[in-house]
Amino acid sequence: MTSLRTALARRHQLRALRRDGRAIERAVAGAPTLESAHELAALAARR
């Protein structure tokens, strides 16, 4: 049971990371200027 719980927790964590990554990609793609896109990318790298 513990290994199942661990696997489910890991899957949940990976899905959350992918969701965050996609949100950052959308923000960078929608940035009005190259400078603001760079700032968003820098903020994402610090996380």
PDB file of N, CA and C in Angstrom:
ATOM      1  N   MET A   1       0.817  -1.191   0.000  1.00  0.00           N
ATOM      2  CA  MET A   1       0.000   0.000   0.000  1.00  0.00           C
ATOM      3  C   MET A   1       0.862   1.257   0.000  1.00  0.00           C
ATOM      4  N   THR A   2       1.977   1.219   0.700  1.00  0.00           N
ATOM      5  CA  THR A   2       2.849   2.381   0.768  1.00  0.00           C
ATOM      6  C   THR A   2       3.437   2.713  -0.595  1.00  0.00           C
ATOM      7  N   SER A   3       3.822   1.682  -1.360  1.00  0.00           N
ATOM      8  CA  SER A   3       4.397   1.941  -2.678  1.00  0.00           C
ATOM      9  C   SER A   3       3.345   2.534  -3.619  1.00  0.00           C
ATOM     10  N   LEU A   4       2.107   2.114  -3.495  1.00  0.00           N
ATOM     11  CA  LEU A   4       1.031   2.693  -4.304  1.00  0.00           C
ATOM     12  C   LEU A   4       0.829   4.157  -3.941  1.00  0.00           C
ATOM     13  N   ARG A   5       0.810   4.443  -2.668  1.00  0.00           N
ATOM     14  CA  ARG A   5       0.646   5.823  -2.213  1.00  0.00           C
ATOM     15  C   ARG A   5       1.812   6.695  -2.682  1.00  0.00           C
ATOM     16  N   THR A   6       3.025   6.147  -2.619  1.00  0.00           N
ATOM     17  CA  THR A   6       4.205   6.872  -3.080  1.00  0.00           C
ATOM     18  C   THR A   6       4.135   7.140  -4.578  1.00  0.00           C
ATOM     19  N   ALA A   7       3.734   6.145  -5.343  1.00  0.00           N
ATOM     20  CA  ALA A   7       3.615   6.306  -6.796  1.00  0.00           C
ATOM     21  C   ALA A   7       2.572   7.356  -7.153  1.00  0.00           C
ATOM     22  N   LEU A   8       1.445   7.332  -6.458  1.00  0.00           N
ATOM     23  CA  LEU A   8       0.397   8.321  -6.729  1.00  0.00           C
ATOM     24  C   LEU A   8       0.853   9.730  -6.354  1.00  0.00           C
ATOM     25  N   ALA A   9       1.562   9.859  -5.253  1.00  0.00           N
ATOM     26  CA  ALA A   9       2.061  11.173  -4.838  1.00  0.00           C
ATOM     27  C   ALA A   9       3.076  11.704  -5.842  1.00  0.00           C
ATOM     28  N   ARG A  10       3.936  10.831  -6.323  1.00  0.00           N
ATOM     29  CA  ARG A  10       4.946  11.241  -7.312  1.00  0.00           C
ATOM     30  C   ARG A  10       4.276  11.675  -8.617  1.00  0.00           C
ATOM     31  N   ARG A  11       3.266  10.916  -9.034  1.00  0.00           N
ATOM     32  CA  ARG A  11       2.544  11.266 -10.266  1.00  0.00           C
ATOM     33  C   ARG A  11       1.865  12.626 -10.119  1.00  0.00           C
ATOM     34  N   HIS A  12       1.277  12.867  -8.961  1.00  0.00           N
ATOM     35  CA  HIS A  12       0.625  14.149  -8.701  1.00  0.00           C
ATOM     36  C   HIS A  12       1.642  15.285  -8.747  1.00  0.00           C
ATOM     37  N   GLN A  13       2.802  15.056  -8.168  1.00  0.00           N
ATOM     38  CA  GLN A  13       3.855  16.073  -8.159  1.00  0.00           C
ATOM     39  C   GLN A  13       4.337  16.374  -9.579  1.00  0.00           C
ATOM     40  N   LEU A  14       4.538  15.357 -10.395  1.00  0.00           N
ATOM     41  CA  LEU A  14       4.993  15.556 -11.768  1.00  0.00           C
ATOM     42  C   LEU A  14       3.954  16.298 -12.602  1.00  0.00           C
ATOM     43  N   ARG A  15       2.680  15.959 -12.399  1.00  0.00           N
ATOM     44  CA  ARG A  15       1.619  16.661 -13.135  1.00  0.00           C
ATOM     45  C   ARG A  15       1.597  18.138 -12.758  1.00  0.00           C
ATOM     46  N   ALA A  16       1.789  18.447 -11.482  1.00  0.00           N
ATOM     47  CA  ALA A  16       1.804  19.839 -11.027  1.00  0.00           C
ATOM     48  C   ALA A  16       2.982  20.592 -11.645  1.00  0.00           C
ATOM     49  N   LEU A  17       4.136  19.951 -11.724  1.00  0.00           N
ATOM     50  CA  LEU A  17       5.306  20.590 -12.329  1.00  0.00           C
ATOM     51  C   LEU A  17       5.075  20.875 -13.806  1.00  0.00           C
ATOM     52  N   ARG A  18       4.475  19.913 -14.515  1.00  0.00           N
ATOM     53  CA  ARG A  18       4.183  20.128 -15.937  1.00  0.00           C
ATOM     54  C   ARG A  18       3.169  21.248 -16.119  1.00  0.00           C
ATOM     55  N   ARG A  19       2.181  21.294 -15.250  1.00  0.00           N
ATOM     56  CA  ARG A  19       1.158  22.345 -15.324  1.00  0.00           C
ATOM     57  C   ARG A  19       1.796  23.720 -15.118  1.00  0.00           C
ATOM     58  N   ASP A  20       2.688  23.821 -14.139  1.00  0.00           N
ATOM     59  CA  ASP A  20       3.391  25.085 -13.899  1.00  0.00           C
ATOM     60  C   ASP A  20       4.254  25.465 -15.100  1.00  0.00           C
ATOM     61  N   GLY A  21       4.932  24.483 -15.676  1.00  0.00           N
ATOM     62  CA  GLY A  21       5.781  24.737 -16.840  1.00  0.00           C
ATOM     63  C   GLY A  21       4.982  25.260 -18.020  1.00  0.00           C
ATOM     64  N   ARG A  22       3.818  24.670 -18.248  1.00  0.00           N
ATOM     65  CA  ARG A  22       2.967  25.136 -19.354  1.00  0.00           C
ATOM     66  C   ARG A  22       2.462  26.547 -19.091  1.00  0.00           C
ATOM     67  N   ALA A  23       2.148  26.867 -17.852  1.00  0.00           N
ATOM     68  CA  ALA A  23       1.682  28.219 -17.514  1.00  0.00           C
ATOM     69  C   ALA A  23       2.780  29.241 -17.770  1.00  0.00           C
ATOM     70  N   ILE A  24       4.001  28.893 -17.442  1.00  0.00           N
ATOM     71  CA  ILE A  24       5.132  29.802 -17.679  1.00  0.00           C
ATOM     72  C   ILE A  24       5.357  29.978 -19.174  1.00  0.00           C
ATOM     73  N   GLU A  25       5.272  28.882 -19.925  1.00  0.00           N
ATOM     74  CA  GLU A  25       5.437  28.973 -21.379  1.00  0.00           C
ATOM     75  C   GLU A  25       4.381  29.875 -22.003  1.00  0.00           C
ATOM     76  N   ARG A  26       3.138  29.777 -21.537  1.00  0.00           N
ATOM     77  CA  ARG A  26       2.079  30.639 -22.060  1.00  0.00           C
ATOM     78  C   ARG A  26       2.354  32.099 -21.722  1.00  0.00           C
ATOM     79  N   ALA A  27       2.828  32.358 -20.504  1.00  0.00           N
ATOM     80  CA  ALA A  27       3.124  33.735 -20.097  1.00  0.00           C
ATOM     81  C   ALA A  27       4.240  34.329 -20.938  1.00  0.00           C
ATOM     82  N   VAL A  28       5.284  33.536 -21.191  1.00  0.00           N
ATOM     83  CA  VAL A  28       6.407  34.019 -22.001  1.00  0.00           C
ATOM     84  C   VAL A  28       5.954  34.251 -23.441  1.00  0.00           C
ATOM     85  N   ALA A  29       5.148  33.345 -23.974  1.00  0.00           N
ATOM     86  CA  ALA A  29       4.672  33.493 -25.352  1.00  0.00           C
ATOM     87  C   ALA A  29       3.769  34.717 -25.501  1.00  0.00           C
ATOM     88  N   GLY A  30       3.039  35.057 -24.460  1.00  0.00           N
ATOM     89  CA  GLY A  30       2.131  36.193 -24.530  1.00  0.00           C
ATOM     90  C   GLY A  30       2.734  37.495 -24.062  1.00  0.00           C
ATOM     91  N   ALA A  31       4.000  37.487 -23.740  1.00  0.00           N
ATOM     92  CA  ALA A  31       4.656  38.708 -23.261  1.00  0.00           C
ATOM     93  C   ALA A  31       4.716  39.739 -24.389  1.00  0.00           C
ATOM     94  N   PRO A  32       4.412  41.000 -24.072  1.00  0.00           N
ATOM     95  CA  PRO A  32       4.361  42.019 -25.119  1.00  0.00           C
ATOM     96  C   PRO A  32       5.729  42.378 -25.715  1.00  0.00           C
ATOM     97  N   THR A  33       6.786  42.213 -24.940  1.00  0.00           N
ATOM     98  CA  THR A  33       8.114  42.552 -25.452  1.00  0.00           C
ATOM     99  C   THR A  33       9.090  41.439 -25.137  1.00  0.00           C
ATOM    100  N   LEU A  34      10.195  41.441 -25.841  1.00  0.00           N
ATOM    101  CA  LEU A  34      11.240  40.448 -25.590  1.00  0.00           C
ATOM    102  C   LEU A  34      11.810  40.611 -24.185  1.00  0.00           C
ATOM    103  N   GLU A  35      11.916  41.864 -23.732  1.00  0.00           N
ATOM    104  CA  GLU A  35      12.458  42.114 -22.395  1.00  0.00           C
ATOM    105  C   GLU A  35      11.556  41.517 -21.308  1.00  0.00           C
ATOM    106  N   SER A  36      10.246  41.700 -21.443  1.00  0.00           N
ATOM    107  CA  SER A  36       9.351  41.133 -20.435  1.00  0.00           C
ATOM    108  C   SER A  36       9.348  39.607 -20.495  1.00  0.00           C
ATOM    109  N   ALA A  37       9.497  39.038 -21.688  1.00  0.00           N
ATOM    110  CA  ALA A  37       9.592  37.585 -21.813  1.00  0.00           C
ATOM    111  C   ALA A  37      10.842  37.085 -21.098  1.00  0.00           C
ATOM    112  N   HIS A  38      11.940  37.823 -21.233  1.00  0.00           N
ATOM    113  CA  HIS A  38      13.184  37.441 -20.560  1.00  0.00           C
ATOM    114  C   HIS A  38      13.011  37.526 -19.046  1.00  0.00           C
ATOM    115  N   GLU A  39      12.320  38.567 -18.573  1.00  0.00           N
ATOM    116  CA  GLU A  39      12.093  38.705 -17.130  1.00  0.00           C
ATOM    117  C   GLU A  39      11.245  37.549 -16.598  1.00  0.00           C
ATOM    118  N   LEU A  40      10.218  37.164 -17.345  1.00  0.00           N
ATOM    119  CA  LEU A  40       9.395  36.021 -16.929  1.00  0.00           C
ATOM    120  C   LEU A  40      10.205  34.736 -16.884  1.00  0.00           C
ATOM    121  N   ALA A  41      11.058  34.536 -17.863  1.00  0.00           N
ATOM    122  CA  ALA A  41      11.899  33.343 -17.900  1.00  0.00           C
ATOM    123  C   ALA A  41      12.872  33.344 -16.729  1.00  0.00           C
ATOM    124  N   ALA A  42      13.400  34.507 -16.384  1.00  0.00           N
ATOM    125  CA  ALA A  42      14.327  34.608 -15.252  1.00  0.00           C
ATOM    126  C   ALA A  42      13.608  34.287 -13.939  1.00  0.00           C
ATOM    127  N   LEU A  43      12.382  34.779 -13.788  1.00  0.00           N
ATOM    128  CA  LEU A  43      11.603  34.475 -12.586  1.00  0.00           C
ATOM    129  C   LEU A  43      11.319  32.989 -12.490  1.00  0.00           C
ATOM    130  N   ALA A  44      10.998  32.382 -13.605  1.00  0.00           N
ATOM    131  CA  ALA A  44      10.717  30.946 -13.607  1.00  0.00           C
ATOM    132  C   ALA A  44      11.961  30.137 -13.247  1.00  0.00           C
ATOM    133  N   ALA A  45      13.121  30.593 -13.669  1.00  0.00           N
ATOM    134  CA  ALA A  45      14.367  29.867 -13.376  1.00  0.00           C
ATOM    135  C   ALA A  45      14.698  29.917 -11.896  1.00  0.00           C
ATOM    136  N   ARG A  46      14.269  30.949 -11.206  1.00  0.00           N
ATOM    137  CA  ARG A  46      14.554  31.082  -9.782  1.00  0.00           C
ATOM    138  C   ARG A  46      13.683  30.177  -8.922  1.00  0.00           C
ATOM    139  N   ARG A  47      12.598  29.669  -9.454  1.00  0.00           N
ATOM    140  CA  ARG A  47      11.686  28.835  -8.674  1.00  0.00           C
ATOM    141  C   ARG A  47      12.271  27.500  -8.387  1.00  0.00           C
TER     142      ARG A  47
END
